[in-house]
Amino acid sequence: LVDIDAETFNIDPQRIAEAVTEKTR
């Protein structure tokens, strides 16, 4: 789970990029 954008309430792409690991599919 990663944080959301404060204005749209949708998932924040920047937080997605930060959370990617070798296990991410």
PDB file of all heavy atoms in Angstrom:
ATOM      1  N   LEU A   1       0.831  -1.196   0.000  1.00  0.00           N
ATOM      2  CA  LEU A   1       0.000   0.000   0.000  1.00  0.00           C
ATOM      3  C   LEU A   1       0.865   1.245   0.000  1.00  0.00           C
ATOM      4  O   LEU A   1       1.767   1.390   0.836  1.00  0.00           O
ATOM      5  CB  LEU A   1      -0.921   0.010   1.221  1.00  0.00           C
ATOM      6  CG  LEU A   1      -1.783  -1.241   1.428  1.00  0.00           C
ATOM      7  CD1 LEU A   1      -2.652  -1.095   2.677  1.00  0.00           C
ATOM      8  CD2 LEU A   1      -2.645  -1.519   0.207  1.00  0.00           C
ATOM      9  N   VAL A   2       0.591   2.146  -0.942  1.00  0.00           N
ATOM     10  CA  VAL A   2       1.309   3.415  -0.993  1.00  0.00           C
ATOM     11  C   VAL A   2       0.301   4.560  -0.936  1.00  0.00           C
ATOM     12  O   VAL A   2      -0.883   4.374  -1.199  1.00  0.00           O
ATOM     13  CB  VAL A   2       2.184   3.526  -2.248  1.00  0.00           C
ATOM     14  CG1 VAL A   2       3.199   2.388  -2.297  1.00  0.00           C
ATOM     15  CG2 VAL A   2       1.350   3.555  -3.514  1.00  0.00           C
ATOM     16  N   ASP A   3       0.773   5.735  -0.622  1.00  0.00           N
ATOM     17  CA  ASP A   3      -0.120   6.852  -0.327  1.00  0.00           C
ATOM     18  C   ASP A   3      -0.791   7.401  -1.585  1.00  0.00           C
ATOM     19  O   ASP A   3      -0.405   7.104  -2.719  1.00  0.00           O
ATOM     20  CB  ASP A   3       0.642   7.953   0.393  1.00  0.00           C
ATOM     21  CG  ASP A   3      -0.223   8.670   1.432  1.00  0.00           C
ATOM     22  OD1 ASP A   3      -1.457   8.452   1.457  1.00  0.00           O
ATOM     23  OD2 ASP A   3       0.340   9.435   2.241  1.00  0.00           O
ATOM     24  N   ILE A   4      -1.797   8.217  -1.344  1.00  0.00           N
ATOM     25  CA  ILE A   4      -2.607   8.789  -2.407  1.00  0.00           C
ATOM     26  C   ILE A   4      -2.238  10.248  -2.638  1.00  0.00           C
ATOM     27  O   ILE A   4      -1.571  10.883  -1.815  1.00  0.00           O
ATOM     28  CB  ILE A   4      -4.107   8.671  -2.090  1.00  0.00           C
ATOM     29  CG1 ILE A   4      -4.460   9.440  -0.804  1.00  0.00           C
ATOM     30  CG2 ILE A   4      -4.501   7.214  -1.966  1.00  0.00           C
ATOM     31  CD1 ILE A   4      -5.950   9.490  -0.496  1.00  0.00           C
ATOM     32  N   ASP A   5      -2.678  10.760  -3.759  1.00  0.00           N
ATOM     33  CA  ASP A   5      -2.510  12.176  -4.073  1.00  0.00           C
ATOM     34  C   ASP A   5      -3.533  12.983  -3.280  1.00  0.00           C
ATOM     35  O   ASP A   5      -4.719  12.624  -3.223  1.00  0.00           O
ATOM     36  CB  ASP A   5      -2.711  12.397  -5.573  1.00  0.00           C
ATOM     37  CG  ASP A   5      -2.597  13.852  -5.958  1.00  0.00           C
ATOM     38  OD1 ASP A   5      -1.463  14.341  -6.091  1.00  0.00           O
ATOM     39  OD2 ASP A   5      -3.653  14.501  -6.113  1.00  0.00           O
ATOM     40  N   ALA A   6      -3.117  14.078  -2.687  1.00  0.00           N
ATOM     41  CA  ALA A   6      -3.990  14.845  -1.803  1.00  0.00           C
ATOM     42  C   ALA A   6      -5.131  15.529  -2.526  1.00  0.00           C
ATOM     43  O   ALA A   6      -6.157  15.843  -1.915  1.00  0.00           O
ATOM     44  CB  ALA A   6      -3.162  15.893  -1.048  1.00  0.00           C
ATOM     45  N   GLU A   7      -5.005  15.740  -3.831  1.00  0.00           N
ATOM     46  CA  GLU A   7      -6.024  16.474  -4.570  1.00  0.00           C
ATOM     47  C   GLU A   7      -7.007  15.570  -5.302  1.00  0.00           C
ATOM     48  O   GLU A   7      -8.194  15.858  -5.367  1.00  0.00           O
ATOM     49  CB  GLU A   7      -5.366  17.438  -5.555  1.00  0.00           C
ATOM     50  CG  GLU A   7      -4.536  18.522  -4.870  1.00  0.00           C
ATOM     51  CD  GLU A   7      -3.964  19.519  -5.850  1.00  0.00           C
ATOM     52  OE1 GLU A   7      -4.081  19.295  -7.073  1.00  0.00           O
ATOM     53  OE2 GLU A   7      -3.403  20.527  -5.392  1.00  0.00           O
ATOM     54  N   THR A   8      -6.516  14.478  -5.862  1.00  0.00           N
ATOM     55  CA  THR A   8      -7.401  13.583  -6.619  1.00  0.00           C
ATOM     56  C   THR A   8      -7.914  12.419  -5.787  1.00  0.00           C
ATOM     57  O   THR A   8      -8.889  11.763  -6.175  1.00  0.00           O
ATOM     58  CB  THR A   8      -6.669  12.996  -7.835  1.00  0.00           C
ATOM     59  OG1 THR A   8      -5.606  12.149  -7.380  1.00  0.00           O
ATOM     60  CG2 THR A   8      -6.109  14.093  -8.726  1.00  0.00           C
ATOM     61  N   PHE A   9      -7.260  12.102  -4.672  1.00  0.00           N
ATOM     62  CA  PHE A   9      -7.547  10.951  -3.812  1.00  0.00           C
ATOM     63  C   PHE A   9      -7.161   9.632  -4.483  1.00  0.00           C
ATOM     64  O   PHE A   9      -7.388   8.564  -3.913  1.00  0.00           O
ATOM     65  CB  PHE A   9      -9.018  10.883  -3.378  1.00  0.00           C
ATOM     66  CG  PHE A   9      -9.596  12.173  -2.878  1.00  0.00           C
ATOM     67  CD1 PHE A   9     -10.952  12.459  -3.036  1.00  0.00           C
ATOM     68  CD2 PHE A   9      -8.809  13.124  -2.237  1.00  0.00           C
ATOM     69  CE1 PHE A   9     -11.506  13.639  -2.571  1.00  0.00           C
ATOM     70  CE2 PHE A   9      -9.352  14.324  -1.766  1.00  0.00           C
ATOM     71  CZ  PHE A   9     -10.708  14.579  -1.940  1.00  0.00           C
ATOM     72  N   ASN A  10      -6.607   9.682  -5.679  1.00  0.00           N
ATOM     73  CA  ASN A  10      -6.129   8.488  -6.368  1.00  0.00           C
ATOM     74  C   ASN A  10      -4.691   8.183  -5.968  1.00  0.00           C
ATOM     75  O   ASN A  10      -3.982   9.037  -5.415  1.00  0.00           O
ATOM     76  CB  ASN A  10      -6.203   8.677  -7.890  1.00  0.00           C
ATOM     77  CG  ASN A  10      -7.570   8.360  -8.445  1.00  0.00           C
ATOM     78  OD1 ASN A  10      -8.255   7.478  -7.949  1.00  0.00           O
ATOM     79  ND2 ASN A  10      -7.978   9.076  -9.486  1.00  0.00           N
ATOM     80  N   ILE A  11      -4.235   6.976  -6.284  1.00  0.00           N
ATOM     81  CA  ILE A  11      -2.878   6.560  -5.953  1.00  0.00           C
ATOM     82  C   ILE A  11      -1.860   7.533  -6.539  1.00  0.00           C
ATOM     83  O   ILE A  11      -2.018   8.028  -7.659  1.00  0.00           O
ATOM     84  CB  ILE A  11      -2.640   5.112  -6.439  1.00  0.00           C
ATOM     85  CG1 ILE A  11      -1.356   4.537  -5.842  1.00  0.00           C
ATOM     86  CG2 ILE A  11      -2.656   5.028  -7.965  1.00  0.00           C
ATOM     87  CD1 ILE A  11      -1.227   3.031  -6.044  1.00  0.00           C
ATOM     88  N   ASP A  12      -0.818   7.815  -5.777  1.00  0.00           N
ATOM     89  CA  ASP A  12       0.209   8.778  -6.166  1.00  0.00           C
ATOM     90  C   ASP A  12       1.307   8.046  -6.944  1.00  0.00           C
ATOM     91  O   ASP A  12       2.018   7.205  -6.385  1.00  0.00           O
ATOM     92  CB  ASP A  12       0.804   9.412  -4.904  1.00  0.00           C
ATOM     93  CG  ASP A  12       1.784  10.538  -5.203  1.00  0.00           C
ATOM     94  OD1 ASP A  12       2.328  10.579  -6.325  1.00  0.00           O
ATOM     95  OD2 ASP A  12       2.028  11.365  -4.303  1.00  0.00           O
ATOM     96  N   PRO A  13       1.478   8.334  -8.236  1.00  0.00           N
ATOM     97  CA  PRO A  13       2.485   7.621  -9.028  1.00  0.00           C
ATOM     98  C   PRO A  13       3.896   7.717  -8.462  1.00  0.00           C
ATOM     99  O   PRO A  13       4.688   6.771  -8.579  1.00  0.00           O
ATOM    100  CB  PRO A  13       2.391   8.284 -10.401  1.00  0.00           C
ATOM    101  CG  PRO A  13       0.998   8.807 -10.466  1.00  0.00           C
ATOM    102  CD  PRO A  13       0.684   9.259  -9.070  1.00  0.00           C
ATOM    103  N   GLN A  14       4.227   8.844  -7.848  1.00  0.00           N
ATOM    104  CA  GLN A  14       5.567   8.982  -7.278  1.00  0.00           C
ATOM    105  C   GLN A  14       5.795   7.946  -6.186  1.00  0.00           C
ATOM    106  O   GLN A  14       6.887   7.371  -6.069  1.00  0.00           O
ATOM    107  CB  GLN A  14       5.766  10.389  -6.719  1.00  0.00           C
ATOM    108  CG  GLN A  14       7.155  10.621  -6.124  1.00  0.00           C
ATOM    109  CD  GLN A  14       7.346  12.031  -5.608  1.00  0.00           C
ATOM    110  OE1 GLN A  14       6.619  12.941  -5.992  1.00  0.00           O
ATOM    111  NE2 GLN A  14       8.323  12.221  -4.727  1.00  0.00           N
ATOM    112  N   ARG A  15       4.753   7.688  -5.393  1.00  0.00           N
ATOM    113  CA  ARG A  15       4.867   6.690  -4.316  1.00  0.00           C
ATOM    114  C   ARG A  15       4.965   5.273  -4.897  1.00  0.00           C
ATOM    115  O   ARG A  15       5.609   4.403  -4.321  1.00  0.00           O
ATOM    116  CB  ARG A  15       3.675   6.785  -3.374  1.00  0.00           C
ATOM    117  CG  ARG A  15       3.468   8.166  -2.764  1.00  0.00           C
ATOM    118  CD  ARG A  15       4.698   8.621  -2.000  1.00  0.00           C
ATOM    119  NE  ARG A  15       4.564  10.000  -1.573  1.00  0.00           N
ATOM    120  CZ  ARG A  15       5.570  10.869  -1.485  1.00  0.00           C
ATOM    121  NH1 ARG A  15       6.797  10.486  -1.817  1.00  0.00           N
ATOM    122  NH2 ARG A  15       5.372  12.096  -1.077  1.00  0.00           N
ATOM    123  N   ILE A  16       4.315   5.048  -6.029  1.00  0.00           N
ATOM    124  CA  ILE A  16       4.447   3.747  -6.697  1.00  0.00           C
ATOM    125  C   ILE A  16       5.905   3.516  -7.065  1.00  0.00           C
ATOM    126  O   ILE A  16       6.478   2.457  -6.778  1.00  0.00           O
ATOM    127  CB  ILE A  16       3.569   3.678  -7.960  1.00  0.00           C
ATOM    128  CG1 ILE A  16       2.083   3.775  -7.606  1.00  0.00           C
ATOM    129  CG2 ILE A  16       3.846   2.376  -8.719  1.00  0.00           C
ATOM    130  CD1 ILE A  16       1.173   3.864  -8.818  1.00  0.00           C
ATOM    131  N   ALA A  17       6.513   4.498  -7.716  1.00  0.00           N
ATOM    132  CA  ALA A  17       7.901   4.354  -8.172  1.00  0.00           C
ATOM    133  C   ALA A  17       8.838   4.067  -7.013  1.00  0.00           C
ATOM    134  O   ALA A  17       9.776   3.264  -7.139  1.00  0.00           O
ATOM    135  CB  ALA A  17       8.329   5.624  -8.915  1.00  0.00           C
ATOM    136  N   GLU A  18       8.587   4.690  -5.873  1.00  0.00           N
ATOM    137  CA  GLU A  18       9.448   4.506  -4.701  1.00  0.00           C
ATOM    138  C   GLU A  18       9.291   3.122  -4.076  1.00  0.00           C
ATOM    139  O   GLU A  18      10.193   2.656  -3.379  1.00  0.00           O
ATOM    140  CB  GLU A  18       9.125   5.575  -3.658  1.00  0.00           C
ATOM    141  CG  GLU A  18       9.461   6.988  -4.095  1.00  0.00           C
ATOM    142  CD  GLU A  18       8.902   8.051  -3.161  1.00  0.00           C
ATOM    143  OE1 GLU A  18       8.126   7.690  -2.240  1.00  0.00           O
ATOM    144  OE2 GLU A  18       9.233   9.236  -3.364  1.00  0.00           O
ATOM    145  N   ALA A  19       8.153   2.467  -4.318  1.00  0.00           N
ATOM    146  CA  ALA A  19       7.850   1.197  -3.644  1.00  0.00           C
ATOM    147  C   ALA A  19       8.260  -0.035  -4.445  1.00  0.00           C
ATOM    148  O   ALA A  19       8.174  -1.155  -3.943  1.00  0.00           O
ATOM    149  CB  ALA A  19       6.355   1.127  -3.339  1.00  0.00           C
ATOM    150  N   VAL A  20       8.691   0.147  -5.698  1.00  0.00           N
ATOM    151  CA  VAL A  20       9.041  -1.000  -6.544  1.00  0.00           C
ATOM    152  C   VAL A  20      10.289  -1.701  -6.008  1.00  0.00           C
ATOM    153  O   VAL A  20      11.297  -1.063  -5.699  1.00  0.00           O
ATOM    154  CB  VAL A  20       9.264  -0.555  -8.003  1.00  0.00           C
ATOM    155  CG1 VAL A  20       9.775  -1.720  -8.843  1.00  0.00           C
ATOM    156  CG2 VAL A  20       7.983   0.006  -8.594  1.00  0.00           C
ATOM    157  N   THR A  21      10.210  -3.037  -5.884  1.00  0.00           N
ATOM    158  CA  THR A  21      11.346  -3.862  -5.477  1.00  0.00           C
ATOM    159  C   THR A  21      11.481  -5.026  -6.457  1.00  0.00           C
ATOM    160  O   THR A  21      10.705  -5.144  -7.409  1.00  0.00           O
ATOM    161  CB  THR A  21      11.153  -4.419  -4.051  1.00  0.00           C
ATOM    162  OG1 THR A  21      10.111  -5.407  -4.081  1.00  0.00           O
ATOM    163  CG2 THR A  21      10.784  -3.317  -3.065  1.00  0.00           C
ATOM    164  N   GLU A  22      12.409  -5.912  -6.187  1.00  0.00           N
ATOM    165  CA  GLU A  22      12.590  -7.084  -7.040  1.00  0.00           C
ATOM    166  C   GLU A  22      11.406  -8.038  -6.964  1.00  0.00           C
ATOM    167  O   GLU A  22      11.228  -8.894  -7.839  1.00  0.00           O
ATOM    168  CB  GLU A  22      13.880  -7.831  -6.675  1.00  0.00           C
ATOM    169  CG  GLU A  22      13.879  -8.525  -5.327  1.00  0.00           C
ATOM    170  CD  GLU A  22      14.141  -7.587  -4.147  1.00  0.00           C
ATOM    171  OE1 GLU A  22      14.400  -6.384  -4.386  1.00  0.00           O
ATOM    172  OE2 GLU A  22      14.106  -8.067  -2.994  1.00  0.00           O
ATOM    173  N   LYS A  23      10.562  -7.894  -5.930  1.00  0.00           N
ATOM    174  CA  LYS A  23       9.392  -8.761  -5.789  1.00  0.00           C
ATOM    175  C   LYS A  23       8.149  -8.201  -6.494  1.00  0.00           C
ATOM    176  O   LYS A  23       7.151  -8.902  -6.635  1.00  0.00           O
ATOM    177  CB  LYS A  23       9.064  -8.980  -4.314  1.00  0.00           C
ATOM    178  CG  LYS A  23      10.108  -9.781  -3.557  1.00  0.00           C
ATOM    179  CD  LYS A  23       9.656 -10.007  -2.115  1.00  0.00           C
ATOM    180  CE  LYS A  23      10.659 -10.837  -1.346  1.00  0.00           C
ATOM    181  NZ  LYS A  23      10.224 -11.073   0.056  1.00  0.00           N
ATOM    182  N   THR A  24       8.204  -6.954  -6.903  1.00  0.00           N
ATOM    183  CA  THR A  24       7.036  -6.313  -7.494  1.00  0.00           C
ATOM    184  C   THR A  24       6.723  -6.919  -8.859  1.00  0.00           C
ATOM    185  O   THR A  24       7.583  -6.989  -9.729  1.00  0.00           O
ATOM    186  CB  THR A  24       7.255  -4.800  -7.648  1.00  0.00           C
ATOM    187  OG1 THR A  24       7.662  -4.246  -6.399  1.00  0.00           O
ATOM    188  CG2 THR A  24       5.980  -4.123  -8.118  1.00  0.00           C
ATOM    189  N   ARG A  25       5.474  -7.350  -9.024  1.00  0.00           N
ATOM    190  CA  ARG A  25       5.036  -7.920 -10.304  1.00  0.00           C
ATOM    191  C   ARG A  25       3.962  -7.077 -10.979  1.00  0.00           C
ATOM    192  O   ARG A  25       3.714  -7.230 -12.174  1.00  0.00           O
ATOM    193  CB  ARG A  25       4.482  -9.333 -10.083  1.00  0.00           C
ATOM    194  CG  ARG A  25       5.530 -10.387  -9.837  1.00  0.00           C
ATOM    195  CD  ARG A  25       6.360 -10.683 -11.070  1.00  0.00           C
ATOM    196  NE  ARG A  25       5.532 -10.928 -12.248  1.00  0.00           N
ATOM    197  CZ  ARG A  25       4.866 -12.063 -12.486  1.00  0.00           C
ATOM    198  NH1 ARG A  25       4.952 -13.072 -11.631  1.00  0.00           N
ATOM    199  NH2 ARG A  25       4.136 -12.192 -13.577  1.00  0.00           N
TER     200      ARG A  25
END
